[in-house]
Amino acid sequence: MSGSRMSPDYDIASPGAGELFESLRAFGYDLPTALADVIDNSITAGARNVWIDLQWAGRDSRILVRDDGRGMAEEDLRQAMKPGSLSPLADRAANDLGRFGLGMKTASISQCRCLTVLSKTKKSAPSLRRWDLDYIASTKTGEWRLLKRLDLLSASDHALLEGQKSGTVLFWDRLDALVGDASVDDDVAQKHFRERADAVKQHLAMVFHRFLKGRKAVNLHINGRQIEPWDPFMEDTGFTEPQVTENLACEGEQAEIKAFILPHHSRISADQHSAGAGPRGWNAHQGFYIYRNRRLLVAGDWLGLGMQKEEHFKLARIRIDLANSADLLWQIDVKKSRARPPAALRQDLLRIARATRSRASSIYRHRGKVIQRQLNDKETFLWTHLMKHGKSFYRINRDHPLVRKVLATSDDRAPVRALFNLIEQTIPAPLIVINNAEKPDTFSQPFEDSPAELRKAMEAVFDAMVEDGRERAEAARALLLMEPFNNHPELVSAFLDDVVRKVAAQKK
């Protein structure tokens, strides 16, 4: 039949727009991964700044993502809004963070029912396209109606791009996944909204940390505040131990592997230790970190190599760098949050993981105190670990300067010794083990919130050493190596400076 689309050989089986969109919403994005997928497009478009605004207004809440990248002209925007706008098999630019031609659309509609994109280039006027799932459902035609009238947005929305030569803004409206039908004065819903904003900040700081620093850094802003990078390898601390880089090849694709042994908490400050834990805690963040074009895909996973996440391996983190041409080989998913190593590389990865875990376990078990172990151990620690008849127990160190002083100055030592013995015999070891296994990152550091008490303890130990006949310089060196003062060298130095000034004043 002339003009008919019917054929004896095939049927045209176009999917219904409304039905397919509803299915695409179930890809498994959450808010942080969805926004990360959108930001991939901004970085690929050469943006130096990306602004994310989460605006609370109850059921009218919205999320805006604006960048100063190259932008898109009319036809480019229309193409970009098509689901599957580019085949995953097509060659891409080396710095392209995309793959399936689905990310921006599926990520957006997973969180909202109305996606509007406004964009302009240096040479083109602003153009607009909108996918409105409720409108598509209401037409009952199954047609892929991509709306494009400029008056779909308000004048204030259009004004967002007026001060830029080029750029793109995404508007997410009708946030049914995040807000639903909550009223503007729903405190519980608003609190949840704010908490998700914090989760977005932490996730983006991790995923794009290699883009957020350096000479050509990208600046990410959330609700007006710049996001600082979170480096899982703590390379700036000076105490991380980088291992030798290896390059593994498989089917013509290169994978660069570099392991890092992170510092024991005794070698870094409490703030550094807290930051190093990352969004999910120390235990959760051990393992492999897979990057594609410097963009983090997998954050801490042993990749199905038969290894469990255990407390004594938490200092082991291993970086894998891939090119975007390795997507199919490493089975990278649409959300760019999962990857699986090819079978040919599993033995090499297992070898690297075992070596890294062994070194991390050694650092963890020895508490990173190599210097102290080489010197005078008798008084470094307040507690000593002993074994008797195959059983482990802890004893207050009688050689500790302050313990020696207490025993020496007591008129009746019997009650003091009885108290020490009672403390040693009633340490709640089973409870400590359980708490450490369940919540290993919740233990506070000694004197974490009480620097004044730390100073008093420092003075008492120093005075005890001097009264015991030790030279002040020797006592000062011992203090710098003694637990827990070795974790606070700046406070020890300030205290010792005060001691020197006092001695100098007395001589005058």
Protein backbone atom coordinates (compact mmCIF):
# COMPACT_ATOMS: atom_id res chain seq x y z
CA MET A 1 0.00 0.00 0.00
CA SER A 2 1.43 3.33 -1.03
CA GLY A 3 2.27 5.62 1.89
CA SER A 4 1.63 2.88 4.44
CA ARG A 5 4.26 1.86 6.96
CA MET A 6 3.03 -1.74 6.86
CA SER A 7 5.36 -4.38 5.39
CA PRO A 8 5.00 -8.11 4.79
CA ASP A 9 8.48 -8.56 6.28
CA TYR A 10 8.30 -6.65 9.54
CA ASP A 11 6.20 -4.54 11.92
CA ILE A 12 7.18 -1.18 13.34
CA ALA A 13 7.15 -1.82 17.12
CA SER A 14 7.91 1.62 18.57
CA PRO A 15 7.76 1.66 22.37
CA GLY A 16 5.18 3.86 24.00
CA ALA A 17 6.87 6.97 25.35
CA GLY A 18 5.05 7.01 28.68
CA GLU A 19 5.54 3.32 29.37
CA LEU A 20 9.23 3.31 28.47
CA PHE A 21 9.94 6.44 30.50
CA GLU A 22 8.36 4.86 33.57
CA SER A 23 10.58 1.81 33.04
CA LEU A 24 13.70 3.92 32.60
CA ARG A 25 13.00 5.53 35.98
CA ALA A 26 13.78 2.20 37.66
CA PHE A 27 17.47 2.06 36.69
CA GLY A 28 18.43 2.33 40.37
CA TYR A 29 19.74 5.88 40.64
CA ASP A 30 19.62 7.71 43.92
CA LEU A 31 19.95 11.49 44.16
CA PRO A 32 23.77 11.64 44.52
CA THR A 33 24.47 9.23 41.63
CA ALA A 34 21.90 10.96 39.44
CA LEU A 35 23.47 14.38 39.94
CA ALA A 36 26.95 12.93 39.37
CA ASP A 37 25.78 11.57 36.01
CA VAL A 38 24.46 15.00 35.04
CA ILE A 39 27.73 16.69 36.05
CA ASP A 40 29.61 14.28 33.76
CA ASN A 41 27.98 16.11 30.83
CA SER A 42 29.01 19.49 32.20
CA ILE A 43 32.64 18.43 32.57
CA THR A 44 32.66 16.86 29.10
CA ALA A 45 31.31 20.18 27.76
CA GLY A 46 34.34 21.98 29.19
CA ALA A 47 32.62 23.63 32.15
CA ARG A 48 34.89 25.25 34.71
CA ASN A 49 32.01 25.86 37.11
CA VAL A 50 28.89 23.86 37.97
CA TRP A 51 26.25 25.24 40.33
CA ILE A 52 23.76 22.89 41.99
CA ASP A 53 20.80 24.38 43.84
CA LEU A 54 18.37 22.28 45.85
CA GLN A 55 15.41 24.58 46.51
CA TRP A 56 12.94 23.51 49.18
CA ALA A 57 9.31 24.48 48.58
CA GLY A 58 7.37 21.39 49.57
CA ARG A 59 5.73 19.73 46.57
CA ASP A 60 7.03 22.63 44.43
CA SER A 61 10.67 21.97 45.36
CA ARG A 62 13.07 21.85 42.48
CA ILE A 63 16.71 21.16 41.69
CA LEU A 64 18.76 23.24 39.27
CA VAL A 65 22.10 22.33 37.72
CA ARG A 66 23.82 25.12 35.82
CA ASP A 67 27.22 25.13 34.11
CA ASP A 68 29.39 27.46 32.04
CA GLY A 69 30.36 24.87 29.44
CA ARG A 70 30.11 25.13 25.66
CA GLY A 71 26.33 24.78 25.66
CA MET A 72 24.17 23.39 22.85
CA ALA A 73 22.51 24.93 19.84
CA GLU A 74 18.95 23.98 18.86
CA GLU A 75 19.68 20.81 16.89
CA ASP A 76 22.36 19.60 19.32
CA LEU A 77 19.97 19.99 22.25
CA ARG A 78 17.22 18.11 20.43
CA GLN A 79 19.63 15.25 19.72
CA ALA A 80 20.95 15.25 23.31
CA MET A 81 17.40 14.90 24.66
CA LYS A 82 16.75 11.72 22.69
CA PRO A 83 17.04 8.57 24.82
CA GLY A 84 19.98 6.62 23.41
CA SER A 85 21.36 9.72 21.71
CA LEU A 86 24.65 7.93 20.95
CA SER A 87 25.50 4.25 20.64
CA PRO A 88 27.70 2.82 23.41
CA LEU A 89 29.73 1.17 20.63
CA ALA A 90 30.57 4.49 18.97
CA ASP A 91 34.05 5.98 19.35
CA ARG A 92 34.14 8.89 21.77
CA ALA A 93 36.61 11.64 22.55
CA ALA A 94 39.28 10.55 25.04
CA ASN A 95 37.94 12.96 27.70
CA ASP A 96 34.26 12.06 27.22
CA LEU A 97 32.68 10.88 30.48
CA GLY A 98 29.56 9.52 28.79
CA ARG A 99 28.90 6.16 27.14
CA PHE A 100 25.29 5.05 26.62
CA GLY A 101 23.59 8.27 25.52
CA LEU A 102 21.14 7.75 28.38
CA GLY A 103 22.75 9.28 31.46
CA MET A 104 21.40 12.81 31.55
CA LYS A 105 17.85 11.72 30.71
CA THR A 106 17.56 8.58 32.84
CA ALA A 107 19.37 10.17 35.78
CA SER A 108 17.07 13.19 35.68
CA ILE A 109 13.74 11.42 35.25
CA SER A 110 14.67 8.97 38.01
CA GLN A 111 14.29 11.93 40.37
CA CYS A 112 11.69 14.16 38.71
CA ARG A 113 8.70 13.93 36.40
CA CYS A 114 9.54 17.10 34.52
CA LEU A 115 13.00 17.71 33.02
CA THR A 116 13.68 21.01 31.27
CA VAL A 117 17.00 21.89 29.64
CA LEU A 118 17.90 25.44 28.64
CA SER A 119 21.14 25.93 26.75
CA LYS A 120 23.04 28.38 24.58
CA THR A 121 26.40 28.57 22.82
CA LYS A 122 28.58 31.60 22.11
CA LYS A 123 27.04 31.77 18.64
CA SER A 124 23.45 30.67 19.23
CA ALA A 125 20.44 32.01 21.11
CA PRO A 126 19.02 30.03 24.03
CA SER A 127 17.09 26.91 23.10
CA LEU A 128 14.81 24.82 25.29
CA ARG A 129 13.57 21.25 25.43
CA ARG A 130 11.39 19.50 28.02
CA TRP A 131 10.35 15.97 28.83
CA ASP A 132 7.14 16.12 30.87
CA LEU A 133 6.08 12.62 31.89
CA ASP A 134 2.66 13.73 33.12
CA TYR A 135 1.97 15.56 29.86
CA ILE A 136 3.02 12.50 27.80
CA ALA A 137 0.75 10.26 29.90
CA SER A 138 -2.17 12.65 29.50
CA THR A 139 -2.00 12.64 25.68
CA LYS A 140 -2.55 8.86 25.62
CA THR A 141 -0.96 8.75 22.16
CA GLY A 142 2.30 7.04 23.09
CA GLU A 143 4.12 9.73 21.11
CA TRP A 144 7.54 11.03 22.13
CA ARG A 145 6.49 14.65 22.42
CA LEU A 146 9.55 16.71 23.32
CA LEU A 147 8.24 20.16 24.29
CA LYS A 148 10.22 23.20 23.11
CA ARG A 149 8.36 26.49 23.71
CA LEU A 150 10.60 29.06 25.39
CA ASP A 151 7.73 30.30 27.56
CA LEU A 152 7.67 26.99 29.43
CA LEU A 153 10.17 28.68 31.78
CA SER A 154 9.73 31.95 33.64
CA ALA A 155 11.70 35.12 32.97
CA SER A 156 13.71 34.54 36.14
CA ASP A 157 14.64 31.06 34.92
CA HIS A 158 15.81 32.44 31.58
CA ALA A 159 17.83 35.08 33.40
CA LEU A 160 20.15 32.41 34.81
CA LEU A 161 22.01 32.24 31.51
CA GLU A 162 21.94 35.92 30.64
CA GLY A 163 25.22 36.67 32.37
CA GLN A 164 27.06 33.83 30.62
CA LYS A 165 28.47 33.61 27.10
CA SER A 166 27.52 29.94 26.97
CA GLY A 167 26.22 27.25 29.26
CA THR A 168 23.38 24.92 30.17
CA VAL A 169 20.79 24.75 32.94
CA LEU A 170 18.79 21.66 33.93
CA PHE A 171 15.55 22.15 35.84
CA TRP A 172 14.16 19.21 37.79
CA ASP A 173 10.53 19.79 38.76
CA ARG A 174 7.96 17.56 40.43
CA LEU A 175 10.49 15.70 42.56
CA ASP A 176 8.26 12.76 43.35
CA ALA A 177 11.16 10.48 44.38
CA LEU A 178 12.59 12.99 46.86
CA VAL A 179 9.67 15.13 48.04
CA GLY A 180 6.44 13.62 46.75
CA ASP A 181 3.38 15.58 47.83
CA ALA A 182 4.86 17.03 51.03
CA SER A 183 3.69 20.46 52.13
CA VAL A 184 6.17 23.30 52.51
CA ASP A 185 5.86 23.22 56.32
CA ASP A 186 6.46 19.47 56.61
CA ASP A 187 9.51 19.50 58.91
CA VAL A 188 10.26 15.80 58.47
CA ALA A 189 10.26 16.05 54.68
CA GLN A 190 12.35 19.22 54.79
CA LYS A 191 14.91 17.57 57.07
CA HIS A 192 15.14 14.63 54.68
CA PHE A 193 15.62 17.07 51.80
CA ARG A 194 18.53 18.77 53.62
CA GLU A 195 20.09 15.43 54.53
CA ARG A 196 20.03 14.34 50.91
CA ALA A 197 21.75 17.60 49.98
CA ASP A 198 24.56 16.70 52.39
CA ALA A 199 24.76 13.23 50.85
CA VAL A 200 25.08 14.83 47.40
CA LYS A 201 27.92 17.03 48.63
CA GLN A 202 29.85 14.06 50.05
CA HIS A 203 29.29 11.93 46.96
CA LEU A 204 30.40 14.61 44.50
CA ALA A 205 33.46 15.44 46.62
CA MET A 206 34.46 11.78 46.28
CA VAL A 207 33.50 11.04 42.67
CA PHE A 208 35.09 14.16 41.15
CA HIS A 209 37.95 14.72 43.61
CA ARG A 210 40.58 14.52 40.88
CA PHE A 211 38.76 17.23 38.90
CA LEU A 212 38.40 19.55 41.90
CA LYS A 213 42.08 20.34 42.32
CA GLY A 214 44.99 21.34 40.13
CA ARG A 215 45.65 24.08 37.61
CA LYS A 216 42.54 23.36 35.51
CA ALA A 217 40.25 22.48 38.39
CA VAL A 218 36.49 22.35 38.01
CA ASN A 219 34.57 24.21 40.71
CA LEU A 220 31.43 22.51 42.00
CA HIS A 221 29.05 24.59 44.11
CA ILE A 222 26.07 23.30 46.06
CA ASN A 223 23.58 25.82 47.43
CA GLY A 224 26.20 28.55 47.10
CA ARG A 225 29.07 26.73 48.81
CA GLN A 226 32.05 25.26 47.00
CA ILE A 227 32.63 21.53 47.35
CA GLU A 228 36.07 20.51 48.61
CA PRO A 229 37.58 17.30 47.19
CA TRP A 230 37.80 14.10 49.22
CA ASP A 231 40.95 12.19 48.30
CA PRO A 232 40.54 8.54 49.35
CA PHE A 233 44.31 8.04 49.27
CA MET A 234 45.21 10.94 51.59
CA GLU A 235 48.24 11.78 49.47
CA ASP A 236 48.57 15.23 51.00
CA THR A 237 49.16 13.96 54.55
CA GLY A 238 52.74 12.90 53.88
CA PHE A 239 52.24 9.64 55.79
CA THR A 240 50.48 7.59 53.11
CA GLU A 241 52.69 4.85 51.64
CA PRO A 242 52.24 4.67 47.85
CA GLN A 243 53.26 1.32 46.36
CA VAL A 244 54.83 0.60 42.98
CA THR A 245 52.57 1.32 39.97
CA GLU A 246 51.72 -1.65 37.74
CA ASN A 247 50.28 -1.60 34.22
CA LEU A 248 48.10 -4.55 33.26
CA ALA A 249 47.01 -5.19 29.68
CA CYS A 250 43.96 -7.11 28.50
CA GLU A 251 42.50 -7.22 24.98
CA GLY A 252 44.44 -4.13 24.00
CA GLU A 253 43.24 -2.08 26.98
CA GLN A 254 45.60 -0.83 29.68
CA ALA A 255 44.75 -0.64 33.37
CA GLU A 256 47.08 1.31 35.66
CA ILE A 257 47.10 -0.09 39.22
CA LYS A 258 48.56 1.75 42.19
CA ALA A 259 48.11 0.67 45.80
CA PHE A 260 48.24 2.97 48.81
CA ILE A 261 48.68 2.13 52.48
CA LEU A 262 46.97 4.86 54.48
CA PRO A 263 48.49 6.13 57.74
CA HIS A 264 47.53 4.72 61.11
CA HIS A 265 45.44 7.19 63.11
CA SER A 266 48.32 7.66 65.57
CA ARG A 267 50.32 9.42 62.84
CA ILE A 268 47.68 11.94 61.78
CA SER A 269 45.43 14.46 63.49
CA ALA A 270 41.92 13.67 64.64
CA ASP A 271 40.52 15.90 61.87
CA GLN A 272 42.58 14.11 59.23
CA HIS A 273 41.48 10.73 60.55
CA SER A 274 37.84 11.78 60.50
CA ALA A 275 38.15 13.12 56.95
CA GLY A 276 39.93 9.97 55.77
CA ALA A 277 36.98 7.83 56.82
CA GLY A 278 34.96 9.15 53.86
CA PRO A 279 31.16 9.15 53.52
CA ARG A 280 30.73 5.50 54.58
CA GLY A 281 33.49 5.00 57.15
CA TRP A 282 36.96 3.44 57.20
CA ASN A 283 35.92 -0.19 56.90
CA ALA A 284 33.53 0.41 54.02
CA HIS A 285 36.10 2.36 51.99
CA GLN A 286 38.85 -0.27 51.87
CA GLY A 287 39.52 -2.03 48.59
CA PHE A 288 39.76 -1.08 44.92
CA TYR A 289 38.83 2.33 43.49
CA ILE A 290 38.06 2.21 39.79
CA TYR A 291 38.39 5.41 37.76
CA ARG A 292 37.37 6.04 34.19
CA ASN A 293 38.97 9.18 32.78
CA ARG A 294 39.81 10.22 36.38
CA ARG A 295 36.10 10.01 37.29
CA LEU A 296 35.47 7.61 40.19
CA LEU A 297 33.12 4.72 39.42
CA VAL A 298 33.67 2.25 42.27
CA ALA A 299 34.67 3.51 45.72
CA GLY A 300 36.08 0.73 47.86
CA ASP A 301 35.29 -2.82 46.81
CA TRP A 302 37.22 -6.11 46.67
CA LEU A 303 35.63 -6.81 43.27
CA GLY A 304 34.38 -10.31 44.01
CA LEU A 305 37.91 -11.62 44.61
CA GLY A 306 36.81 -13.61 47.66
CA MET A 307 37.97 -11.04 50.21
CA GLN A 308 35.94 -9.60 53.05
CA LYS A 309 36.08 -6.10 54.45
CA GLU A 310 37.71 -6.47 57.84
CA GLU A 311 38.95 -4.00 60.42
CA HIS A 312 42.67 -4.81 60.09
CA PHE A 313 42.61 -4.22 56.31
CA LYS A 314 40.95 -0.81 56.44
CA LEU A 315 44.17 1.07 55.56
CA ALA A 316 44.36 -0.67 52.15
CA ARG A 317 43.08 1.29 49.15
CA ILE A 318 44.02 0.52 45.54
CA ARG A 319 43.50 2.79 42.54
CA ILE A 320 42.68 1.45 39.06
CA ASP A 321 42.74 3.91 36.14
CA LEU A 322 40.90 3.01 32.92
CA ALA A 323 40.28 4.77 29.63
CA ASN A 324 36.68 5.19 28.44
CA SER A 325 37.39 2.66 25.68
CA ALA A 326 37.50 -0.09 28.35
CA ASP A 327 33.81 0.23 29.29
CA LEU A 328 32.63 -3.00 27.70
CA LEU A 329 35.66 -4.99 28.85
CA TRP A 330 35.11 -3.91 32.47
CA GLN A 331 31.28 -4.16 32.23
CA ILE A 332 30.63 -0.59 33.37
CA ASP A 333 26.92 0.00 33.93
CA VAL A 334 24.72 2.90 32.82
CA LYS A 335 24.85 4.58 36.25
CA LYS A 336 28.68 4.40 36.17
CA SER A 337 28.64 2.99 39.68
CA ARG A 338 29.59 -0.64 38.99
CA ALA A 339 32.45 -2.34 37.16
CA ARG A 340 33.73 -5.91 36.95
CA PRO A 341 37.31 -6.81 36.07
CA PRO A 342 37.89 -9.12 33.10
CA ALA A 343 38.65 -12.72 34.03
CA ALA A 344 42.15 -12.48 32.54
CA LEU A 345 43.16 -9.87 35.15
CA ARG A 346 41.66 -11.46 38.26
CA GLN A 347 44.81 -13.32 39.32
CA ASP A 348 46.96 -10.19 39.02
CA LEU A 349 44.41 -8.14 40.93
CA LEU A 350 44.23 -10.84 43.59
CA ARG A 351 48.03 -10.79 43.93
CA ILE A 352 48.09 -7.00 44.30
CA ALA A 353 45.20 -7.06 46.77
CA ARG A 354 46.85 -9.70 48.96
CA ALA A 355 50.15 -7.81 49.08
CA THR A 356 48.38 -4.54 49.89
CA ARG A 357 46.21 -6.10 52.57
CA SER A 358 49.24 -7.76 54.17
CA ARG A 359 51.10 -4.47 54.40
CA ALA A 360 48.00 -2.63 55.65
CA SER A 361 47.42 -5.26 58.32
CA SER A 362 51.03 -4.93 59.46
CA ILE A 363 50.69 -1.16 59.84
CA TYR A 364 47.35 -1.52 61.62
CA ARG A 365 48.54 -4.17 64.06
CA HIS A 366 51.73 -2.34 64.94
CA ARG A 367 49.83 0.93 65.30
CA GLY A 368 52.30 2.69 63.01
CA LYS A 369 54.67 3.29 65.90
CA VAL A 370 57.94 2.27 64.24
CA ILE A 371 59.94 5.11 65.79
CA GLN A 372 58.70 4.51 69.30
CA ARG A 373 59.34 0.75 69.06
CA GLN A 374 62.98 1.43 68.24
CA LEU A 375 63.42 3.55 71.37
CA ASN A 376 62.37 3.11 74.98
CA ASP A 377 59.20 1.04 75.01
CA LYS A 378 59.06 0.66 78.76
CA GLU A 379 57.34 3.98 79.32
CA THR A 380 55.85 4.82 75.92
CA PHE A 381 52.50 3.18 76.60
CA LEU A 382 50.26 3.36 79.64
CA TRP A 383 48.86 -0.10 78.86
CA THR A 384 50.91 -3.23 78.15
CA HIS A 385 49.62 -6.34 76.38
CA LEU A 386 50.57 -9.66 78.00
CA MET A 387 49.91 -13.34 77.30
CA LYS A 388 49.55 -15.92 80.05
CA HIS A 389 48.57 -19.58 79.59
CA GLY A 390 47.49 -18.75 76.04
CA LYS A 391 45.17 -15.97 77.15
CA SER A 392 45.48 -12.27 76.39
CA PHE A 393 45.17 -9.54 79.00
CA TYR A 394 46.17 -5.91 79.58
CA ARG A 395 48.08 -4.43 82.49
CA ILE A 396 48.73 -0.87 83.59
CA ASN A 397 52.39 -0.16 82.86
CA ARG A 398 54.15 0.19 86.21
CA ASP A 399 57.14 1.78 84.42
CA HIS A 400 55.09 4.69 83.14
CA PRO A 401 56.46 7.90 84.76
CA LEU A 402 53.12 9.01 86.20
CA VAL A 403 52.29 5.54 87.54
CA ARG A 404 55.73 5.34 89.17
CA LYS A 405 55.18 8.73 90.79
CA VAL A 406 51.73 7.76 92.14
CA LEU A 407 53.13 4.58 93.64
CA ALA A 408 56.23 6.31 95.04
CA THR A 409 54.36 9.17 96.73
CA SER A 410 51.54 7.13 98.23
CA ASP A 411 51.84 6.59 101.98
CA ASP A 412 49.82 3.42 101.64
CA ARG A 413 50.37 1.73 98.31
CA ALA A 414 48.01 -1.17 98.98
CA PRO A 415 44.78 0.67 97.98
CA VAL A 416 46.46 2.05 94.84
CA ARG A 417 47.70 -1.39 93.80
CA ALA A 418 44.27 -2.84 94.55
CA LEU A 419 42.66 -0.15 92.38
CA PHE A 420 45.07 -0.85 89.51
CA ASN A 421 44.37 -4.56 89.81
CA LEU A 422 40.61 -3.98 89.86
CA ILE A 423 40.80 -1.81 86.73
CA GLU A 424 42.93 -4.40 84.92
CA GLN A 425 40.67 -7.30 85.86
CA THR A 426 37.43 -5.58 84.84
CA ILE A 427 38.31 -4.16 81.42
CA PRO A 428 35.10 -4.75 79.36
CA ALA A 429 37.04 -6.49 76.57
CA PRO A 430 34.05 -8.41 75.07
CA LEU A 431 31.99 -5.21 74.83
CA ILE A 432 34.90 -3.33 73.26
CA VAL A 433 35.35 -6.08 70.68
CA ILE A 434 31.65 -6.08 69.80
CA ASN A 435 31.44 -2.29 69.53
CA ASN A 436 34.59 -2.16 67.43
CA ALA A 437 33.27 -4.82 65.06
CA GLU A 438 29.85 -3.18 64.66
CA LYS A 439 30.91 0.48 64.62
CA PRO A 440 34.68 0.63 64.17
CA ASP A 441 34.76 4.33 63.28
CA THR A 442 32.82 5.60 66.29
CA PHE A 443 35.60 5.28 68.86
CA SER A 444 36.88 8.67 69.95
CA GLN A 445 40.57 9.47 70.12
CA PRO A 446 42.24 10.19 73.49
CA PHE A 447 41.46 13.75 74.67
CA GLU A 448 39.70 14.38 71.34
CA ASP A 449 37.48 17.13 72.73
CA SER A 450 39.46 18.21 75.79
CA PRO A 451 42.79 19.86 74.92
CA ALA A 452 42.89 21.47 78.40
CA GLU A 453 42.80 18.04 80.07
CA LEU A 454 45.46 16.82 77.64
CA ARG A 455 47.65 19.73 78.69
CA LYS A 456 47.19 18.88 82.38
CA ALA A 457 48.11 15.25 81.75
CA MET A 458 51.15 16.35 79.77
CA GLU A 459 52.32 18.61 82.61
CA ALA A 460 51.84 15.84 85.18
CA VAL A 461 53.88 13.30 83.19
CA PHE A 462 56.64 15.82 82.43
CA ASP A 463 56.89 16.87 86.09
CA ALA A 464 57.01 13.21 87.13
CA MET A 465 59.96 12.56 84.83
CA VAL A 466 61.84 15.65 86.03
CA GLU A 467 61.19 14.80 89.71
CA ASP A 468 62.53 11.32 88.98
CA GLY A 469 65.87 12.94 88.12
CA ARG A 470 65.60 13.17 84.37
CA GLU A 471 67.06 16.13 82.48
CA ARG A 472 64.41 18.43 81.01
CA ALA A 473 65.69 17.94 77.45
CA GLU A 474 65.50 14.17 77.84
CA ALA A 475 62.04 14.41 79.40
CA ALA A 476 60.94 16.58 76.46
CA ARG A 477 62.13 13.98 73.92
CA ALA A 478 60.36 11.21 75.84
CA LEU A 479 57.14 13.24 75.92
CA LEU A 480 57.18 13.65 72.14
CA LEU A 481 57.29 9.86 71.73
CA MET A 482 54.85 8.94 74.48
CA GLU A 483 51.25 7.90 73.84
CA PRO A 484 48.90 9.80 73.47
CA PHE A 485 51.04 12.98 73.33
CA ASN A 486 52.75 11.81 70.14
CA ASN A 487 49.41 12.37 68.38
CA HIS A 488 49.53 16.07 69.27
CA PRO A 489 53.07 17.29 68.44
CA GLU A 490 51.92 20.89 68.09
CA LEU A 491 50.52 20.92 71.63
CA VAL A 492 53.63 19.23 72.99
CA SER A 493 55.82 21.80 71.25
CA ALA A 494 53.76 24.66 72.68
CA PHE A 495 54.00 23.15 76.16
CA LEU A 496 57.77 22.69 75.88
CA ASP A 497 58.16 26.28 74.67
CA ASP A 498 56.34 27.40 77.83
CA VAL A 499 58.70 25.29 79.93
CA VAL A 500 61.75 26.87 78.29
CA ARG A 501 60.37 30.38 78.88
CA LYS A 502 59.70 29.61 82.53
CA VAL A 503 63.21 28.27 83.06
CA ALA A 504 64.68 31.33 81.36
CA ALA A 505 62.56 33.64 83.55
CA GLN A 506 63.70 31.84 86.71
CA LYS A 507 67.36 32.27 85.77
CA LYS A 508 66.87 36.03 85.43
